[in-house]
Amino acid sequence: MSDPDSGRLSSIKTYLLVALIFNILSVVGLAIASLIFLLFLIIPVLGFIAVIPIVLLVLSLSVLNRVNQMRGAAERGDIAALKALNSVGWAVIGLLFAGIITGIMLLLANGSINELQGRGPAAAPDQSWVQSQGTGEMKFCPSCGTKIPKSAAFCPKCGTRQ
């Protein structure tokens, strides 16, 4: 991982931690609201309205799960997993259903994640494969950076067409 990536990764960790904290606050608030409205099930109109905070709670829990997965990948330094989990859609869902601050932090993290260059610890080139292929002309896969034979049509590591 390069130095610019480590700086960005620490910023991403901060964004995701703030998003996680405010998302937890949102989940707690929605859980309390759901319980309060469920107490009014005997009144038909208020009982029907209880569905709204329950739906919001489920969506907020989904965002909480995604933020926690992203935070775990950032803590491990697994940039490939972080990029796979990253999505503007989740940031928008967070913005709408898990609170404004959660959504803003996810949008900030999204921009920083898109700027990451490395692929994380899981993407180290498989040196045994490269050595067993002989000393022919080699090139690097543009997608994952693995050293491959110049004549290869696909990368053996990530499957990208060359």
C-alpha atoms as a PDB file:
ATOM      1  CA  MET A   1       0.000   0.000   0.000  1.00  0.00           C
ATOM      2  CA  SER A   2       1.473   3.381  -0.977  1.00  0.00           C
ATOM      3  CA  ASP A   3       1.739   6.388   1.312  1.00  0.00           C
ATOM      4  CA  PRO A   4      -1.148   8.306  -0.331  1.00  0.00           C
ATOM      5  CA  ASP A   5      -3.319   5.217   0.128  1.00  0.00           C
ATOM      6  CA  SER A   6      -2.451   4.942   3.826  1.00  0.00           C
ATOM      7  CA  GLY A   7      -3.417   8.597   4.341  1.00  0.00           C
ATOM      8  CA  ARG A   8      -6.680   8.111   2.486  1.00  0.00           C
ATOM      9  CA  LEU A   9      -7.321   4.870   4.348  1.00  0.00           C
ATOM     10  CA  SER A  10      -7.040   6.613   7.717  1.00  0.00           C
ATOM     11  CA  SER A  11      -9.500   9.284   6.523  1.00  0.00           C
ATOM     12  CA  ILE A  12     -11.853   6.560   5.299  1.00  0.00           C
ATOM     13  CA  LYS A  13     -11.664   4.834   8.689  1.00  0.00           C
ATOM     14  CA  THR A  14     -12.636   8.109  10.370  1.00  0.00           C
ATOM     15  CA  TYR A  15     -15.542   8.720   7.972  1.00  0.00           C
ATOM     16  CA  LEU A  16     -16.828   5.189   8.472  1.00  0.00           C
ATOM     17  CA  LEU A  17     -16.502   5.381  12.257  1.00  0.00           C
ATOM     18  CA  VAL A  18     -18.520   8.617  12.356  1.00  0.00           C
ATOM     19  CA  ALA A  19     -21.096   7.060   9.992  1.00  0.00           C
ATOM     20  CA  LEU A  20     -21.289   3.994  12.235  1.00  0.00           C
ATOM     21  CA  ILE A  21     -21.791   6.055  15.404  1.00  0.00           C
ATOM     22  CA  PHE A  22     -24.571   8.187  13.925  1.00  0.00           C
ATOM     23  CA  ASN A  23     -26.165   5.151  12.318  1.00  0.00           C
ATOM     24  CA  ILE A  24     -26.282   3.425  15.719  1.00  0.00           C
ATOM     25  CA  LEU A  25     -27.968   6.527  17.147  1.00  0.00           C
ATOM     26  CA  SER A  26     -30.477   6.401  14.295  1.00  0.00           C
ATOM     27  CA  VAL A  27     -31.193   2.706  14.925  1.00  0.00           C
ATOM     28  CA  VAL A  28     -31.743   3.337  18.639  1.00  0.00           C
ATOM     29  CA  GLY A  29     -34.087   6.251  17.905  1.00  0.00           C
ATOM     30  CA  LEU A  30     -36.066   4.270  15.355  1.00  0.00           C
ATOM     31  CA  ALA A  31     -36.300   1.283  17.702  1.00  0.00           C
ATOM     32  CA  ILE A  32     -37.730   3.510  20.432  1.00  0.00           C
ATOM     33  CA  ALA A  33     -40.156   5.131  17.970  1.00  0.00           C
ATOM     34  CA  SER A  34     -41.254   1.698  16.745  1.00  0.00           C
ATOM     35  CA  LEU A  35     -41.927   0.535  20.289  1.00  0.00           C
ATOM     36  CA  ILE A  36     -43.898   3.669  21.120  1.00  0.00           C
ATOM     37  CA  PHE A  37     -46.058   3.354  18.012  1.00  0.00           C
ATOM     38  CA  LEU A  38     -46.559  -0.375  18.600  1.00  0.00           C
ATOM     39  CA  LEU A  39     -48.025   0.478  22.002  1.00  0.00           C
ATOM     40  CA  PHE A  40     -50.793   2.295  20.137  1.00  0.00           C
ATOM     41  CA  LEU A  41     -51.856  -0.718  18.060  1.00  0.00           C
ATOM     42  CA  ILE A  42     -55.244  -0.577  19.726  1.00  0.00           C
ATOM     43  CA  ILE A  43     -55.920   2.691  17.885  1.00  0.00           C
ATOM     44  CA  PRO A  44     -56.196   1.678  14.207  1.00  0.00           C
ATOM     45  CA  VAL A  45     -54.763   4.873  12.672  1.00  0.00           C
ATOM     46  CA  LEU A  46     -51.749   5.043  14.983  1.00  0.00           C
ATOM     47  CA  GLY A  47     -51.174   1.305  14.704  1.00  0.00           C
ATOM     48  CA  PHE A  48     -50.916   1.609  10.924  1.00  0.00           C
ATOM     49  CA  ILE A  49     -48.448   4.479  11.298  1.00  0.00           C
ATOM     50  CA  ALA A  50     -46.245   2.135  13.382  1.00  0.00           C
ATOM     51  CA  VAL A  51     -45.243   0.431  10.138  1.00  0.00           C
ATOM     52  CA  ILE A  52     -43.281   3.526   9.047  1.00  0.00           C
ATOM     53  CA  PRO A  53     -40.645   3.513  11.816  1.00  0.00           C
ATOM     54  CA  ILE A  54     -40.370  -0.282  11.552  1.00  0.00           C
ATOM     55  CA  VAL A  55     -39.572  -0.053   7.821  1.00  0.00           C
ATOM     56  CA  LEU A  56     -37.101   2.767   8.510  1.00  0.00           C
ATOM     57  CA  LEU A  57     -35.539   0.653  11.263  1.00  0.00           C
ATOM     58  CA  VAL A  58     -35.012  -2.288   8.904  1.00  0.00           C
ATOM     59  CA  LEU A  59     -33.424  -0.038   6.260  1.00  0.00           C
ATOM     60  CA  SER A  60     -31.242   1.637   8.876  1.00  0.00           C
ATOM     61  CA  LEU A  61     -30.101  -1.776  10.143  1.00  0.00           C
ATOM     62  CA  SER A  62     -29.156  -2.715   6.574  1.00  0.00           C
ATOM     63  CA  VAL A  63     -27.034   0.426   6.273  1.00  0.00           C
ATOM     64  CA  LEU A  64     -25.510  -0.318   9.689  1.00  0.00           C
ATOM     65  CA  ASN A  65     -24.484  -3.778   8.484  1.00  0.00           C
ATOM     66  CA  ARG A  66     -22.882  -2.371   5.307  1.00  0.00           C
ATOM     67  CA  VAL A  67     -21.028   0.384   7.194  1.00  0.00           C
ATOM     68  CA  ASN A  68     -19.719  -2.193   9.663  1.00  0.00           C
ATOM     69  CA  GLN A  69     -18.489  -4.429   6.816  1.00  0.00           C
ATOM     70  CA  MET A  70     -16.778  -1.458   5.156  1.00  0.00           C
ATOM     71  CA  ARG A  71     -15.192  -0.426   8.444  1.00  0.00           C
ATOM     72  CA  GLY A  72     -13.871  -3.954   8.962  1.00  0.00           C
ATOM     73  CA  ALA A  73     -12.316  -3.969   5.477  1.00  0.00           C
ATOM     74  CA  ALA A  74     -10.728  -0.566   6.125  1.00  0.00           C
ATOM     75  CA  GLU A  75      -9.325  -1.750   9.468  1.00  0.00           C
ATOM     76  CA  ARG A  76      -7.777  -4.801   7.767  1.00  0.00           C
ATOM     77  CA  GLY A  77      -6.412  -2.621   4.970  1.00  0.00           C
ATOM     78  CA  ASP A  78      -8.270  -4.754   2.424  1.00  0.00           C
ATOM     79  CA  ILE A  79      -8.702  -2.183  -0.324  1.00  0.00           C
ATOM     80  CA  ALA A  80     -10.171  -4.690  -2.793  1.00  0.00           C
ATOM     81  CA  ALA A  81     -12.973  -5.590  -0.364  1.00  0.00           C
ATOM     82  CA  LEU A  82     -13.483  -1.930   0.502  1.00  0.00           C
ATOM     83  CA  LYS A  83     -13.881  -1.049  -3.175  1.00  0.00           C
ATOM     84  CA  ALA A  84     -16.279  -3.973  -3.657  1.00  0.00           C
ATOM     85  CA  LEU A  85     -18.455  -2.808  -0.746  1.00  0.00           C
ATOM     86  CA  ASN A  86     -18.333   0.850  -1.806  1.00  0.00           C
ATOM     87  CA  SER A  87     -21.416   2.232  -3.540  1.00  0.00           C
ATOM     88  CA  VAL A  88     -23.069   5.606  -3.979  1.00  0.00           C
ATOM     89  CA  GLY A  89     -26.398   3.793  -3.691  1.00  0.00           C
ATOM     90  CA  TRP A  90     -25.657   2.769  -0.112  1.00  0.00           C
ATOM     91  CA  ALA A  91     -24.626   6.342   0.662  1.00  0.00           C
ATOM     92  CA  VAL A  92     -27.949   7.616  -0.700  1.00  0.00           C
ATOM     93  CA  ILE A  93     -29.883   4.975   1.257  1.00  0.00           C
ATOM     94  CA  GLY A  94     -27.918   6.015   4.339  1.00  0.00           C
ATOM     95  CA  LEU A  95     -28.704   9.654   3.636  1.00  0.00           C
ATOM     96  CA  LEU A  96     -32.427   8.975   3.308  1.00  0.00           C
ATOM     97  CA  PHE A  97     -33.017   6.325   5.950  1.00  0.00           C
ATOM     98  CA  ALA A  98     -30.137   6.306   8.448  1.00  0.00           C
ATOM     99  CA  GLY A  99     -29.663  10.008   8.992  1.00  0.00           C
ATOM    100  CA  ILE A 100     -28.099  12.913   7.175  1.00  0.00           C
ATOM    101  CA  ILE A 101     -24.724  12.655   8.905  1.00  0.00           C
ATOM    102  CA  THR A 102     -24.452   8.929   8.144  1.00  0.00           C
ATOM    103  CA  GLY A 103     -25.185   9.582   4.471  1.00  0.00           C
ATOM    104  CA  ILE A 104     -22.757  12.493   4.230  1.00  0.00           C
ATOM    105  CA  MET A 105     -19.978  10.445   5.837  1.00  0.00           C
ATOM    106  CA  LEU A 106     -20.647   7.582   3.411  1.00  0.00           C
ATOM    107  CA  LEU A 107     -20.519  10.010   0.474  1.00  0.00           C
ATOM    108  CA  LEU A 108     -17.197  11.405   1.728  1.00  0.00           C
ATOM    109  CA  ALA A 109     -15.846   7.876   2.193  1.00  0.00           C
ATOM    110  CA  ASN A 110     -17.097   6.945  -1.293  1.00  0.00           C
ATOM    111  CA  GLY A 111     -14.981   9.660  -2.906  1.00  0.00           C
ATOM    112  CA  SER A 112     -11.889   8.683  -0.941  1.00  0.00           C
ATOM    113  CA  ILE A 113     -12.367   4.971  -1.638  1.00  0.00           C
ATOM    114  CA  ASN A 114     -12.626   5.666  -5.371  1.00  0.00           C
ATOM    115  CA  GLU A 115      -9.246   7.458  -5.211  1.00  0.00           C
ATOM    116  CA  LEU A 116      -7.449   4.477  -3.629  1.00  0.00           C
ATOM    117  CA  GLN A 117      -4.843   2.937  -5.937  1.00  0.00           C
ATOM    118  CA  GLY A 118      -3.775  -0.215  -4.068  1.00  0.00           C
ATOM    119  CA  ARG A 119      -5.537  -3.528  -3.957  1.00  0.00           C
ATOM    120  CA  GLY A 120      -4.853  -4.471  -0.336  1.00  0.00           C
ATOM    121  CA  PRO A 121      -3.148  -7.471   1.221  1.00  0.00           C
ATOM    122  CA  ALA A 122      -5.267  -9.995  -0.650  1.00  0.00           C
ATOM    123  CA  ALA A 123      -3.907  -8.831  -4.023  1.00  0.00           C
ATOM    124  CA  ALA A 124      -0.207  -9.598  -3.633  1.00  0.00           C
ATOM    125  CA  PRO A 125       1.008 -11.226  -6.856  1.00  0.00           C
ATOM    126  CA  ASP A 126       1.398 -14.987  -6.750  1.00  0.00           C
ATOM    127  CA  GLN A 127       5.162 -15.227  -7.213  1.00  0.00           C
ATOM    128  CA  SER A 128       5.218 -19.038  -7.429  1.00  0.00           C
ATOM    129  CA  TRP A 129       3.026 -18.906 -10.544  1.00  0.00           C
ATOM    130  CA  VAL A 130       5.213 -16.230 -12.155  1.00  0.00           C
ATOM    131  CA  GLN A 131       8.414 -18.180 -11.448  1.00  0.00           C
ATOM    132  CA  SER A 132       7.015 -21.437 -12.820  1.00  0.00           C
ATOM    133  CA  GLN A 133       6.171 -19.825 -16.152  1.00  0.00           C
ATOM    134  CA  GLY A 134       9.800 -19.428 -17.225  1.00  0.00           C
ATOM    135  CA  THR A 135      11.583 -16.285 -18.361  1.00  0.00           C
ATOM    136  CA  GLY A 136       9.460 -15.360 -21.386  1.00  0.00           C
ATOM    137  CA  GLU A 137       8.258 -11.835 -22.017  1.00  0.00           C
ATOM    138  CA  MET A 138       6.003 -10.650 -19.213  1.00  0.00           C
ATOM    139  CA  LYS A 139       3.490  -7.844 -18.692  1.00  0.00           C
ATOM    140  CA  PHE A 140       1.351  -6.663 -15.800  1.00  0.00           C
ATOM    141  CA  CYS A 141      -2.408  -7.064 -15.572  1.00  0.00           C
ATOM    142  CA  PRO A 142      -3.936  -3.551 -15.678  1.00  0.00           C
ATOM    143  CA  SER A 143      -6.652  -4.620 -13.270  1.00  0.00           C
ATOM    144  CA  CYS A 144      -4.789  -6.338 -10.423  1.00  0.00           C
ATOM    145  CA  GLY A 145      -1.099  -5.775 -11.207  1.00  0.00           C
ATOM    146  CA  THR A 146      -0.147  -9.459 -11.401  1.00  0.00           C
ATOM    147  CA  LYS A 147       2.822 -10.274 -13.630  1.00  0.00           C
ATOM    148  CA  ILE A 148       1.573 -12.461 -16.488  1.00  0.00           C
ATOM    149  CA  PRO A 149       2.964 -13.810 -19.796  1.00  0.00           C
ATOM    150  CA  LYS A 150       2.700 -11.289 -22.610  1.00  0.00           C
ATOM    151  CA  SER A 151       0.715 -13.797 -24.689  1.00  0.00           C
ATOM    152  CA  ALA A 152      -1.932 -14.382 -21.979  1.00  0.00           C
ATOM    153  CA  ALA A 153      -5.495 -13.593 -23.035  1.00  0.00           C
ATOM    154  CA  PHE A 154      -6.784 -13.514 -19.447  1.00  0.00           C
ATOM    155  CA  CYS A 155      -5.211 -12.812 -16.061  1.00  0.00           C
ATOM    156  CA  PRO A 156      -5.002 -16.066 -14.051  1.00  0.00           C
ATOM    157  CA  LYS A 157      -5.538 -14.169 -10.794  1.00  0.00           C
ATOM    158  CA  CYS A 158      -8.500 -11.853 -11.478  1.00  0.00           C
ATOM    159  CA  GLY A 159      -9.762 -13.161 -14.843  1.00  0.00           C
ATOM    160  CA  THR A 160      -9.585  -9.781 -16.597  1.00  0.00           C
ATOM    161  CA  ARG A 161      -9.360  -9.995 -20.391  1.00  0.00           C
ATOM    162  CA  GLN A 162      -6.019  -8.621 -21.593  1.00  0.00           C
END
